[in-house]
Amino acid sequence: MNLYNHRSLAIIFDADGTLLDSMYIWQELGGRYLRSLDIMPERDLAKILYPLSLEQGCEYLQKNYVPEKNLDEIRDGIVRIIQDFYIDEVELKNGAKNFLEAMSKKNIPMVIATSGDRVLLNAALERNGVDKYFSAIFTCSELNTNKHEPEIYLKCAEFLKLQPENIAVFEDSLFAIETAKAAGFITFGVEDDSNKFEREKIIETADYYVDFY
C-alpha cells in the first residue's frame, strides 16, 4: 500500500516502540534507579526484573539492594525516572517525524492509541515537535481497556468517522496487531528492538511490515 497516494485513509499510531524509541527504558529502569543511589547493579538485573510487575520489581530491589527503603519510596523513585525520561529524553523512532509530515501534507488524519500515560506522552510529543500532527489521543487507562480488546481502536474509528477497513493501525507488538486485524483494520507491524523475538510472527500476521519509516 502506498500511503503517500492514499486519499481515503486515516492512521492510528501506537506510541511506545512505534512512534517513540522508548521501549529500552523499561529494561534499564532498575539499573537507572540503583545508579541514582550510587549503587552498582548486577549484570543481569534487567533480565531478572523483565518478567516481574512493578511491585514485584520493587520488592526485589528492596530485598537485594536497599532494605532500608520502603516499597513506596522505591516505587516513587522509579516513577520519577520514567517521568524524567519522557519529559527530557525520549526521541522519536528514526524517520518518524518526516513520515508524519508527509502524511499531514496529504491531509491524512492521524490519532494515537496508547497504553501509556497521556501527560507524559504529550510532553514527549511536544518536545519532539510532532504533537500538532495528531487530532486526538486515546489511552487504555481512560477507556478502562487494554489492547487485547479492540475497544480503543473502535473508539478511534468512531472519532475518525471511518470504517476499520479504511484505517491503518501502526503497532509494534504482536498481540496488538492481532487485535486490530481481527477487528478489520489495516495493520502495519513496526520493527523495534523489543519485538525481535517475535519478528517473524509479526511479519506473518500484519498486512504490512515497517522496518524503517
C-alpha atoms as a PDB file:
ATOM      1  CA  MET A   1       0.000   0.000   0.000  1.00  0.00           C
ATOM      2  CA  ASN A   2       1.331   3.414  -0.959  1.00  0.00           C
ATOM      3  CA  LEU A   3       0.138   5.605   1.907  1.00  0.00           C
ATOM      4  CA  TYR A   4       1.548   8.696   0.234  1.00  0.00           C
ATOM      5  CA  ASN A   5      -1.041   8.393  -2.539  1.00  0.00           C
ATOM      6  CA  HIS A   6      -3.961   7.106  -0.493  1.00  0.00           C
ATOM      7  CA  ARG A   7      -6.727   9.701  -0.104  1.00  0.00           C
ATOM      8  CA  SER A   8      -9.453   7.856   1.828  1.00  0.00           C
ATOM      9  CA  LEU A   9      -7.418   6.665   4.764  1.00  0.00           C
ATOM     10  CA  ALA A  10      -6.682   7.567   8.388  1.00  0.00           C
ATOM     11  CA  ILE A  11      -3.946   6.284  10.657  1.00  0.00           C
ATOM     12  CA  ILE A  12      -3.939   5.118  14.268  1.00  0.00           C
ATOM     13  CA  PHE A  13      -0.471   5.055  15.818  1.00  0.00           C
ATOM     14  CA  ASP A  14       0.666   3.271  18.918  1.00  0.00           C
ATOM     15  CA  ALA A  15       3.192   5.381  20.854  1.00  0.00           C
ATOM     16  CA  ASP A  16       5.859   3.352  22.678  1.00  0.00           C
ATOM     17  CA  GLY A  17       8.014   1.338  20.298  1.00  0.00           C
ATOM     18  CA  THR A  18       6.060   2.619  17.289  1.00  0.00           C
ATOM     19  CA  LEU A  19       6.436   6.413  17.271  1.00  0.00           C
ATOM     20  CA  LEU A  20       8.728   6.754  20.284  1.00  0.00           C
ATOM     21  CA  ASP A  21      12.038   4.959  20.699  1.00  0.00           C
ATOM     22  CA  SER A  22      11.150   4.272  24.300  1.00  0.00           C
ATOM     23  CA  MET A  23      10.994   0.559  24.992  1.00  0.00           C
ATOM     24  CA  TYR A  24      14.565   0.309  26.242  1.00  0.00           C
ATOM     25  CA  ILE A  25      13.774   2.403  29.317  1.00  0.00           C
ATOM     26  CA  TRP A  26      11.777  -0.489  30.776  1.00  0.00           C
ATOM     27  CA  GLN A  27      14.868  -2.697  30.620  1.00  0.00           C
ATOM     28  CA  GLU A  28      17.041  -0.004  32.191  1.00  0.00           C
ATOM     29  CA  LEU A  29      14.715   1.142  34.971  1.00  0.00           C
ATOM     30  CA  GLY A  30      16.151  -0.926  37.780  1.00  0.00           C
ATOM     31  CA  GLY A  31      19.723  -0.114  36.857  1.00  0.00           C
ATOM     32  CA  ARG A  32      18.999   3.594  36.469  1.00  0.00           C
ATOM     33  CA  TYR A  33      17.297   3.673  39.851  1.00  0.00           C
ATOM     34  CA  LEU A  34      20.198   1.985  41.611  1.00  0.00           C
ATOM     35  CA  ARG A  35      22.816   4.140  39.897  1.00  0.00           C
ATOM     36  CA  SER A  36      20.876   7.222  41.028  1.00  0.00           C
ATOM     37  CA  LEU A  37      21.655   5.984  44.541  1.00  0.00           C
ATOM     38  CA  ASP A  38      25.322   5.305  43.643  1.00  0.00           C
ATOM     39  CA  ILE A  39      24.704   1.559  43.755  1.00  0.00           C
ATOM     40  CA  MET A  40      26.151  -0.657  41.006  1.00  0.00           C
ATOM     41  CA  PRO A  41      23.517  -3.116  39.695  1.00  0.00           C
ATOM     42  CA  GLU A  42      24.298  -6.726  38.930  1.00  0.00           C
ATOM     43  CA  ARG A  43      24.985  -7.547  35.284  1.00  0.00           C
ATOM     44  CA  ASP A  44      21.763  -9.497  34.665  1.00  0.00           C
ATOM     45  CA  LEU A  45      19.417  -7.206  36.596  1.00  0.00           C
ATOM     46  CA  ALA A  46      17.367  -6.300  33.508  1.00  0.00           C
ATOM     47  CA  LYS A  47      16.721  -9.990  32.744  1.00  0.00           C
ATOM     48  CA  ILE A  48      15.721 -10.627  36.356  1.00  0.00           C
ATOM     49  CA  LEU A  49      13.289  -7.705  36.502  1.00  0.00           C
ATOM     50  CA  TYR A  50      11.800  -8.048  32.993  1.00  0.00           C
ATOM     51  CA  PRO A  51       9.127 -10.687  33.802  1.00  0.00           C
ATOM     52  CA  LEU A  52       8.190  -9.014  37.109  1.00  0.00           C
ATOM     53  CA  SER A  53       5.453  -6.481  37.753  1.00  0.00           C
ATOM     54  CA  LEU A  54       6.442  -3.033  39.029  1.00  0.00           C
ATOM     55  CA  GLU A  55       5.512  -4.074  42.566  1.00  0.00           C
ATOM     56  CA  GLN A  56       7.483  -7.324  42.314  1.00  0.00           C
ATOM     57  CA  GLY A  57      10.470  -5.453  40.907  1.00  0.00           C
ATOM     58  CA  CYS A  58      10.380  -3.010  43.822  1.00  0.00           C
ATOM     59  CA  GLU A  59      10.324  -5.939  46.227  1.00  0.00           C
ATOM     60  CA  TYR A  60      13.379  -7.463  44.526  1.00  0.00           C
ATOM     61  CA  LEU A  61      15.296  -4.175  44.695  1.00  0.00           C
ATOM     62  CA  GLN A  62      14.380  -3.716  48.350  1.00  0.00           C
ATOM     63  CA  LYS A  63      15.414  -7.229  49.332  1.00  0.00           C
ATOM     64  CA  ASN A  64      18.694  -7.280  47.392  1.00  0.00           C
ATOM     65  CA  TYR A  65      19.859  -3.654  47.345  1.00  0.00           C
ATOM     66  CA  VAL A  66      18.002  -1.146  49.520  1.00  0.00           C
ATOM     67  CA  PRO A  67      16.449  -2.881  52.555  1.00  0.00           C
ATOM     68  CA  GLU A  68      16.452   0.464  54.375  1.00  0.00           C
ATOM     69  CA  LYS A  69      13.850   1.885  51.958  1.00  0.00           C
ATOM     70  CA  ASN A  70      10.160   1.044  51.996  1.00  0.00           C
ATOM     71  CA  LEU A  71       8.358  -0.086  48.846  1.00  0.00           C
ATOM     72  CA  ASP A  72       6.590   3.241  48.334  1.00  0.00           C
ATOM     73  CA  GLU A  73       9.929   5.088  48.325  1.00  0.00           C
ATOM     74  CA  ILE A  74      11.356   2.698  45.745  1.00  0.00           C
ATOM     75  CA  ARG A  75       8.261   2.917  43.560  1.00  0.00           C
ATOM     76  CA  ASP A  76       8.254   6.725  43.732  1.00  0.00           C
ATOM     77  CA  GLY A  77      11.912   6.808  42.719  1.00  0.00           C
ATOM     78  CA  ILE A  78      11.283   4.574  39.719  1.00  0.00           C
ATOM     79  CA  VAL A  79       8.231   6.597  38.650  1.00  0.00           C
ATOM     80  CA  ARG A  80      10.326   9.780  38.728  1.00  0.00           C
ATOM     81  CA  ILE A  81      12.857   8.153  36.407  1.00  0.00           C
ATOM     82  CA  ILE A  82      10.059   7.258  33.972  1.00  0.00           C
ATOM     83  CA  GLN A  83       8.678  10.801  34.128  1.00  0.00           C
ATOM     84  CA  ASP A  84      12.083  12.389  33.542  1.00  0.00           C
ATOM     85  CA  PHE A  85      12.691  10.049  30.599  1.00  0.00           C
ATOM     86  CA  TYR A  86       9.518  11.071  28.762  1.00  0.00           C
ATOM     87  CA  ILE A  87       9.796  14.746  29.611  1.00  0.00           C
ATOM     88  CA  ASP A  88      13.512  15.223  28.886  1.00  0.00           C
ATOM     89  CA  GLU A  89      14.985  12.318  26.954  1.00  0.00           C
ATOM     90  CA  VAL A  90      12.859  10.070  24.756  1.00  0.00           C
ATOM     91  CA  GLU A  91      13.255  10.526  20.998  1.00  0.00           C
ATOM     92  CA  LEU A  92      11.135   9.612  18.004  1.00  0.00           C
ATOM     93  CA  LYS A  93      11.801   6.477  16.003  1.00  0.00           C
ATOM     94  CA  ASN A  94      14.161   7.129  13.109  1.00  0.00           C
ATOM     95  CA  GLY A  95      12.312   8.753  10.208  1.00  0.00           C
ATOM     96  CA  ALA A  96       9.020   9.093  12.086  1.00  0.00           C
ATOM     97  CA  LYS A  97       8.906  12.895  12.009  1.00  0.00           C
ATOM     98  CA  ASN A  98       9.383  13.069   8.240  1.00  0.00           C
ATOM     99  CA  PHE A  99       6.728  10.389   7.795  1.00  0.00           C
ATOM    100  CA  LEU A 100       4.227  12.297   9.933  1.00  0.00           C
ATOM    101  CA  GLU A 101       4.933  15.463   7.982  1.00  0.00           C
ATOM    102  CA  ALA A 102       4.349  13.630   4.690  1.00  0.00           C
ATOM    103  CA  MET A 103       1.051  12.174   5.931  1.00  0.00           C
ATOM    104  CA  SER A 104      -0.036  15.593   7.174  1.00  0.00           C
ATOM    105  CA  LYS A 105       0.646  17.160   3.781  1.00  0.00           C
ATOM    106  CA  LYS A 106      -1.642  14.508   2.262  1.00  0.00           C
ATOM    107  CA  ASN A 107      -4.347  15.530   4.766  1.00  0.00           C
ATOM    108  CA  ILE A 108      -4.462  12.030   6.215  1.00  0.00           C
ATOM    109  CA  PRO A 109      -5.999  12.232   9.724  1.00  0.00           C
ATOM    110  CA  MET A 110      -3.848  10.743  12.483  1.00  0.00           C
ATOM    111  CA  VAL A 111      -4.615   9.780  16.077  1.00  0.00           C
ATOM    112  CA  ILE A 112      -2.767   7.901  18.804  1.00  0.00           C
ATOM    113  CA  ALA A 113      -3.975   4.852  20.740  1.00  0.00           C
ATOM    114  CA  THR A 114      -1.666   4.150  23.667  1.00  0.00           C
ATOM    115  CA  SER A 115      -1.372   2.054  26.792  1.00  0.00           C
ATOM    116  CA  GLY A 116       0.824   4.776  28.254  1.00  0.00           C
ATOM    117  CA  ASP A 117       0.225   7.932  30.238  1.00  0.00           C
ATOM    118  CA  ARG A 118      -1.394  10.882  28.440  1.00  0.00           C
ATOM    119  CA  VAL A 119       0.546  13.602  30.280  1.00  0.00           C
ATOM    120  CA  LEU A 120       3.937  12.006  29.680  1.00  0.00           C
ATOM    121  CA  LEU A 121       3.099  11.242  26.046  1.00  0.00           C
ATOM    122  CA  ASN A 122       2.022  14.838  25.455  1.00  0.00           C
ATOM    123  CA  ALA A 123       5.302  16.066  26.938  1.00  0.00           C
ATOM    124  CA  ALA A 124       7.307  13.770  24.653  1.00  0.00           C
ATOM    125  CA  LEU A 125       5.339  14.712  21.534  1.00  0.00           C
ATOM    126  CA  GLU A 126       5.614  18.436  22.237  1.00  0.00           C
ATOM    127  CA  ARG A 127       9.350  18.299  22.910  1.00  0.00           C
ATOM    128  CA  ASN A 128       9.879  16.397  19.651  1.00  0.00           C
ATOM    129  CA  GLY A 129       7.693  18.844  17.717  1.00  0.00           C
ATOM    130  CA  VAL A 130       5.060  16.397  16.461  1.00  0.00           C
ATOM    131  CA  ASP A 131       2.052  16.992  18.727  1.00  0.00           C
ATOM    132  CA  LYS A 132       0.476  19.156  16.004  1.00  0.00           C
ATOM    133  CA  TYR A 133       0.023  16.169  13.715  1.00  0.00           C
ATOM    134  CA  PHE A 134      -2.492  14.319  15.906  1.00  0.00           C
ATOM    135  CA  SER A 135      -6.153  15.238  16.204  1.00  0.00           C
ATOM    136  CA  ALA A 136      -6.726  13.070  19.284  1.00  0.00           C
ATOM    137  CA  ILE A 137      -5.058  10.748  21.784  1.00  0.00           C
ATOM    138  CA  PHE A 138      -6.892   7.756  23.236  1.00  0.00           C
ATOM    139  CA  THR A 139      -5.499   5.900  26.261  1.00  0.00           C
ATOM    140  CA  CYS A 140      -6.319   2.433  27.540  1.00  0.00           C
ATOM    141  CA  SER A 141      -6.489   3.641  31.139  1.00  0.00           C
ATOM    142  CA  GLU A 142      -9.067   6.323  30.365  1.00  0.00           C
ATOM    143  CA  LEU A 143     -11.181   3.807  28.438  1.00  0.00           C
ATOM    144  CA  ASN A 144     -10.649   1.118  31.091  1.00  0.00           C
ATOM    145  CA  THR A 145      -9.458  -1.357  28.483  1.00  0.00           C
ATOM    146  CA  ASN A 146      -6.304  -2.887  27.020  1.00  0.00           C
ATOM    147  CA  LYS A 147      -5.052  -3.785  23.570  1.00  0.00           C
ATOM    148  CA  HIS A 148      -6.063  -7.397  23.886  1.00  0.00           C
ATOM    149  CA  GLU A 149      -9.529  -5.953  23.234  1.00  0.00           C
ATOM    150  CA  PRO A 150     -10.480  -3.829  20.159  1.00  0.00           C
ATOM    151  CA  GLU A 151     -12.312  -1.085  22.075  1.00  0.00           C
ATOM    152  CA  ILE A 152      -9.573   1.557  21.855  1.00  0.00           C
ATOM    153  CA  TYR A 153      -9.244   1.086  18.096  1.00  0.00           C
ATOM    154  CA  LEU A 154     -13.002   1.194  17.606  1.00  0.00           C
ATOM    155  CA  LYS A 155     -13.202   4.417  19.631  1.00  0.00           C
ATOM    156  CA  CYS A 156     -10.577   5.891  17.316  1.00  0.00           C
ATOM    157  CA  ALA A 157     -12.574   4.772  14.279  1.00  0.00           C
ATOM    158  CA  GLU A 158     -15.695   6.380  15.710  1.00  0.00           C
ATOM    159  CA  PHE A 159     -13.797   9.627  16.210  1.00  0.00           C
ATOM    160  CA  LEU A 160     -12.349   9.462  12.685  1.00  0.00           C
ATOM    161  CA  LYS A 161     -15.791   8.671  11.205  1.00  0.00           C
ATOM    162  CA  LEU A 162     -14.343   5.876   9.082  1.00  0.00           C
ATOM    163  CA  GLN A 163     -14.800   2.129   8.934  1.00  0.00           C
ATOM    164  CA  PRO A 164     -11.883  -0.058  10.130  1.00  0.00           C
ATOM    165  CA  GLU A 165     -11.098  -1.162   6.576  1.00  0.00           C
ATOM    166  CA  ASN A 166     -10.179   2.462   5.799  1.00  0.00           C
ATOM    167  CA  ILE A 167      -7.910   2.907   8.800  1.00  0.00           C
ATOM    168  CA  ALA A 168      -4.286   1.805   9.115  1.00  0.00           C
ATOM    169  CA  VAL A 169      -3.068   0.780  12.577  1.00  0.00           C
ATOM    170  CA  PHE A 170       0.668   1.011  13.269  1.00  0.00           C
ATOM    171  CA  GLU A 171       1.755  -1.206  16.174  1.00  0.00           C
ATOM    172  CA  ASP A 172       4.994  -2.814  17.328  1.00  0.00           C
ATOM    173  CA  SER A 173       3.568  -5.635  19.465  1.00  0.00           C
ATOM    174  CA  LEU A 174       2.169  -8.862  18.059  1.00  0.00           C
ATOM    175  CA  PHE A 175      -0.873  -9.098  20.328  1.00  0.00           C
ATOM    176  CA  ALA A 176      -1.998  -5.547  19.448  1.00  0.00           C
ATOM    177  CA  ILE A 177      -1.594  -6.263  15.737  1.00  0.00           C
ATOM    178  CA  GLU A 178      -3.681  -9.411  16.138  1.00  0.00           C
ATOM    179  CA  THR A 179      -6.401  -7.449  17.950  1.00  0.00           C
ATOM    180  CA  ALA A 180      -6.562  -4.673  15.351  1.00  0.00           C
ATOM    181  CA  LYS A 181      -6.522  -7.086  12.434  1.00  0.00           C
ATOM    182  CA  ALA A 182      -9.320  -9.197  13.910  1.00  0.00           C
ATOM    183  CA  ALA A 183     -11.392  -6.008  14.215  1.00  0.00           C
ATOM    184  CA  GLY A 184     -10.996  -5.321  10.491  1.00  0.00           C
ATOM    185  CA  PHE A 185      -8.260  -2.662  10.475  1.00  0.00           C
ATOM    186  CA  ILE A 186      -5.345  -2.497   8.041  1.00  0.00           C
ATOM    187  CA  THR A 187      -2.307  -3.455  10.136  1.00  0.00           C
ATOM    188  CA  PHE A 188       1.288  -2.286   9.920  1.00  0.00           C
ATOM    189  CA  GLY A 189       3.840  -4.038  12.089  1.00  0.00           C
ATOM    190  CA  VAL A 190       6.660  -1.701  13.130  1.00  0.00           C
ATOM    191  CA  GLU A 191      10.114  -3.081  13.860  1.00  0.00           C
ATOM    192  CA  ASP A 192      11.586  -2.415  17.283  1.00  0.00           C
ATOM    193  CA  ASP A 193      14.456  -3.975  19.219  1.00  0.00           C
ATOM    194  CA  SER A 194      11.972  -5.068  21.862  1.00  0.00           C
ATOM    195  CA  ASN A 195       9.961  -7.246  19.434  1.00  0.00           C
ATOM    196  CA  LYS A 196      12.777  -9.004  17.591  1.00  0.00           C
ATOM    197  CA  PHE A 197      11.937 -12.305  19.290  1.00  0.00           C
ATOM    198  CA  GLU A 198       8.535 -12.297  17.537  1.00  0.00           C
ATOM    199  CA  ARG A 199       9.543 -10.501  14.353  1.00  0.00           C
ATOM    200  CA  GLU A 200       8.740 -13.391  12.005  1.00  0.00           C
ATOM    201  CA  LYS A 201       5.307 -13.861  13.537  1.00  0.00           C
ATOM    202  CA  ILE A 202       4.601 -10.118  13.233  1.00  0.00           C
ATOM    203  CA  ILE A 203       5.576 -10.197   9.560  1.00  0.00           C
ATOM    204  CA  GLU A 204       3.258 -13.176   9.001  1.00  0.00           C
ATOM    205  CA  THR A 205       0.348 -11.558  10.864  1.00  0.00           C
ATOM    206  CA  ALA A 206       0.427  -7.889   9.855  1.00  0.00           C
ATOM    207  CA  ASP A 207      -0.801  -6.782   6.451  1.00  0.00           C
ATOM    208  CA  TYR A 208       2.409  -4.783   6.018  1.00  0.00           C
ATOM    209  CA  TYR A 209       5.726  -4.525   7.835  1.00  0.00           C
ATOM    210  CA  VAL A 210       7.720  -1.359   8.518  1.00  0.00           C
ATOM    211  CA  ASP A 211      11.401  -1.721   9.362  1.00  0.00           C
ATOM    212  CA  PHE A 212      12.109   1.993   8.756  1.00  0.00           C
ATOM    213  CA  TYR A 213       9.779   4.933   8.310  1.00  0.00           C
END
